[in-house]
């Protein structure tokens, strides 16, 4: 990712780059954490939020189908999704049919998202 990308909830390096835990073996010096506070490895908090994200235009994908913006669509032979999945669903699983795969994708719950919903919602 070299341009046209938006990062959220990551740490900022002194030269304006982004950083998060696990990106390098050691953290760069002089980080500003995701809350805007100066950060050091011994400060007792993470530099980047565990749910940090980025987004970038699909047009920058080097392997995207040349007809990806065709209003009639493009053939799809698979849908892949992933994330931090310590339990609930096997790391790799196959649906029995297209409809079953869409159903499986629609019911996947991410533990951190569910914790937030449970904490902030009335059921």
Foldseek 3Di string as FASTA:
>chain_A
DPDQKDKAQFKAAPVGDTDFPPPDPDDDAFIQARVRHTDDPPPPDGRGDPPIDMDHDPVPDPPDDPCCVPPVHDDDDDDDDDDPDPDDDPRDDDAPDPVRVVVVVVPDDDVVVVVVCVVPHDD
